[in-house]
N, C-alpha and C. Protein backbone atom coordinates (compact mmCIF):
# COMPACT_ATOMS: atom_id res chain seq x y z
N MET A 1 0.83 -1.18 0.00
CA MET A 1 0.00 0.00 0.00
C MET A 1 0.88 1.25 0.00
N SER A 2 0.40 2.27 -0.65
CA SER A 2 1.15 3.52 -0.67
C SER A 2 0.76 4.39 0.52
N GLU A 3 1.69 5.20 0.97
CA GLU A 3 1.41 6.09 2.09
C GLU A 3 0.57 7.27 1.62
N PRO A 4 -0.28 7.81 2.49
CA PRO A 4 -1.10 8.95 2.07
C PRO A 4 -0.24 10.19 1.84
N SER A 5 -0.61 10.93 0.85
CA SER A 5 0.12 12.13 0.48
C SER A 5 -0.48 13.35 1.18
N LEU A 6 0.30 14.40 1.33
CA LEU A 6 -0.21 15.64 1.92
C LEU A 6 -1.28 16.29 1.04
N LEU A 7 -1.19 16.03 -0.24
CA LEU A 7 -2.13 16.65 -1.18
C LEU A 7 -3.34 15.78 -1.48
N SER A 8 -3.48 14.67 -0.78
CA SER A 8 -4.64 13.82 -1.02
C SER A 8 -5.89 14.46 -0.40
N ALA A 9 -7.03 14.06 -0.86
CA ALA A 9 -8.28 14.62 -0.36
C ALA A 9 -8.50 14.22 1.10
N PRO A 10 -8.95 15.17 1.93
CA PRO A 10 -9.19 14.83 3.34
C PRO A 10 -10.40 13.92 3.47
N PRO A 11 -10.49 13.18 4.56
CA PRO A 11 -11.66 12.32 4.75
C PRO A 11 -12.93 13.15 4.89
N PRO A 12 -14.07 12.58 4.59
CA PRO A 12 -15.33 13.31 4.65
C PRO A 12 -15.66 13.87 6.04
N THR A 13 -15.09 13.29 7.09
CA THR A 13 -15.38 13.79 8.43
C THR A 13 -14.86 15.20 8.64
N HIS A 14 -13.88 15.64 7.84
CA HIS A 14 -13.35 16.99 7.97
C HIS A 14 -14.44 18.03 7.69
N VAL A 15 -15.36 17.69 6.82
CA VAL A 15 -16.45 18.63 6.49
C VAL A 15 -17.28 18.94 7.72
N VAL A 16 -17.35 18.01 8.65
CA VAL A 16 -18.14 18.21 9.86
C VAL A 16 -17.27 18.75 10.99
N TYR A 17 -16.12 18.15 11.21
CA TYR A 17 -15.41 18.47 12.44
C TYR A 17 -14.60 19.76 12.37
N ILE A 18 -14.15 20.19 11.19
CA ILE A 18 -13.42 21.46 11.11
C ILE A 18 -14.35 22.64 11.45
N PRO A 19 -15.54 22.76 10.85
CA PRO A 19 -16.44 23.85 11.27
C PRO A 19 -16.85 23.73 12.73
N PHE A 20 -16.97 22.50 13.26
CA PHE A 20 -17.33 22.31 14.66
C PHE A 20 -16.23 22.86 15.57
N VAL A 21 -14.98 22.59 15.24
CA VAL A 21 -13.86 23.08 16.05
C VAL A 21 -13.80 24.61 15.97
N ILE A 22 -14.02 25.17 14.80
CA ILE A 22 -14.04 26.63 14.65
C ILE A 22 -15.16 27.24 15.47
N LEU A 23 -16.34 26.63 15.44
CA LEU A 23 -17.47 27.13 16.22
C LEU A 23 -17.19 27.08 17.71
N ILE A 24 -16.60 25.99 18.18
CA ILE A 24 -16.24 25.89 19.60
C ILE A 24 -15.23 26.97 19.97
N GLY A 25 -14.27 27.23 19.11
CA GLY A 25 -13.28 28.29 19.36
C GLY A 25 -13.92 29.66 19.44
N ILE A 26 -14.90 29.93 18.58
CA ILE A 26 -15.60 31.22 18.62
C ILE A 26 -16.36 31.35 19.92
N ILE A 27 -17.04 30.30 20.34
CA ILE A 27 -17.81 30.35 21.58
C ILE A 27 -16.89 30.55 22.79
N ILE A 28 -15.79 29.82 22.85
CA ILE A 28 -14.85 29.97 23.97
C ILE A 28 -14.24 31.37 23.97
N GLY A 29 -13.88 31.87 22.80
CA GLY A 29 -13.33 33.22 22.71
C GLY A 29 -14.33 34.28 23.14
N PHE A 30 -15.58 34.10 22.78
CA PHE A 30 -16.62 35.05 23.19
C PHE A 30 -16.78 35.04 24.71
N VAL A 31 -16.81 33.87 25.30
CA VAL A 31 -16.99 33.77 26.76
C VAL A 31 -15.81 34.38 27.49
N ILE A 32 -14.59 34.05 27.08
CA ILE A 32 -13.40 34.60 27.73
C ILE A 32 -13.34 36.11 27.52
N GLY A 33 -13.63 36.57 26.33
CA GLY A 33 -13.62 38.01 26.06
C GLY A 33 -14.68 38.75 26.85
N ARG A 34 -15.83 38.14 27.03
CA ARG A 34 -16.90 38.77 27.79
C ARG A 34 -16.52 38.89 29.26
N LYS A 35 -15.90 37.83 29.80
CA LYS A 35 -15.45 37.88 31.20
C LYS A 35 -14.39 38.96 31.38
N ALA A 36 -13.47 39.07 30.43
CA ALA A 36 -12.43 40.09 30.52
C ALA A 36 -13.04 41.48 30.42
N GLY A 37 -14.03 41.64 29.56
CA GLY A 37 -14.70 42.93 29.43
C GLY A 37 -15.46 43.32 30.68
N ILE A 38 -16.11 42.36 31.31
CA ILE A 38 -16.83 42.62 32.55
C ILE A 38 -15.84 43.03 33.64
N LYS A 39 -14.71 42.31 33.73
CA LYS A 39 -13.70 42.62 34.74
C LYS A 39 -13.13 44.02 34.50
N GLN A 40 -12.87 44.37 33.25
CA GLN A 40 -12.33 45.69 32.92
C GLN A 40 -13.35 46.77 33.24
N GLY A 41 -14.61 46.52 32.94
CA GLY A 41 -15.67 47.50 33.24
C GLY A 41 -15.81 47.73 34.73
N LYS A 42 -15.71 46.69 35.53
CA LYS A 42 -15.79 46.85 36.99
C LYS A 42 -14.58 47.62 37.50
N ALA A 43 -13.40 47.38 36.94
CA ALA A 43 -12.20 48.09 37.37
C ALA A 43 -12.33 49.58 37.07
N GLU A 44 -12.86 49.92 35.89
CA GLU A 44 -13.04 51.32 35.53
C GLU A 44 -14.09 51.98 36.42
N PHE A 45 -15.16 51.25 36.72
CA PHE A 45 -16.24 51.80 37.53
C PHE A 45 -15.78 52.07 38.96
N LEU A 46 -14.92 51.19 39.49
CA LEU A 46 -14.45 51.33 40.86
C LEU A 46 -13.21 52.22 40.97
N GLY A 47 -12.71 52.71 39.85
CA GLY A 47 -11.53 53.58 39.86
C GLY A 47 -10.23 52.83 39.95
N GLY A 48 -10.23 51.56 39.66
CA GLY A 48 -9.01 50.77 39.73
C GLY A 48 -8.19 50.82 38.47
N ASN A 49 -8.64 51.56 37.47
CA ASN A 49 -7.92 51.62 36.19
C ASN A 49 -7.16 52.93 36.12
N ASP A 50 -5.83 52.88 36.20
CA ASP A 50 -5.01 54.08 36.16
C ASP A 50 -4.32 54.27 34.81
N GLU A 51 -4.79 53.61 33.78
CA GLU A 51 -4.14 53.69 32.47
C GLU A 51 -4.35 55.03 31.81
N ASP A 52 -5.42 55.75 32.09
CA ASP A 52 -5.75 57.00 31.42
C ASP A 52 -5.09 58.20 32.07
N VAL A 53 -4.37 58.00 33.16
CA VAL A 53 -3.81 59.13 33.91
C VAL A 53 -2.61 59.69 33.22
C-alpha cells in the first residue's frame, strides 16, 4: 500500500469536524472576552484603572 500524500483529499469527516472546532473556538473566545470585558468594566467603575492618567 502507498502512504497517504499531503495533497490527497481529506476524509469526509473533515467537512463536519473542522467547522465544529471553529465554532467551539468562537464560543470559547466570546466567553473569555466577555469575562475580561466585565472585569475591565468593573475596574473602571471602581476607579481601579489608572491607564488613562
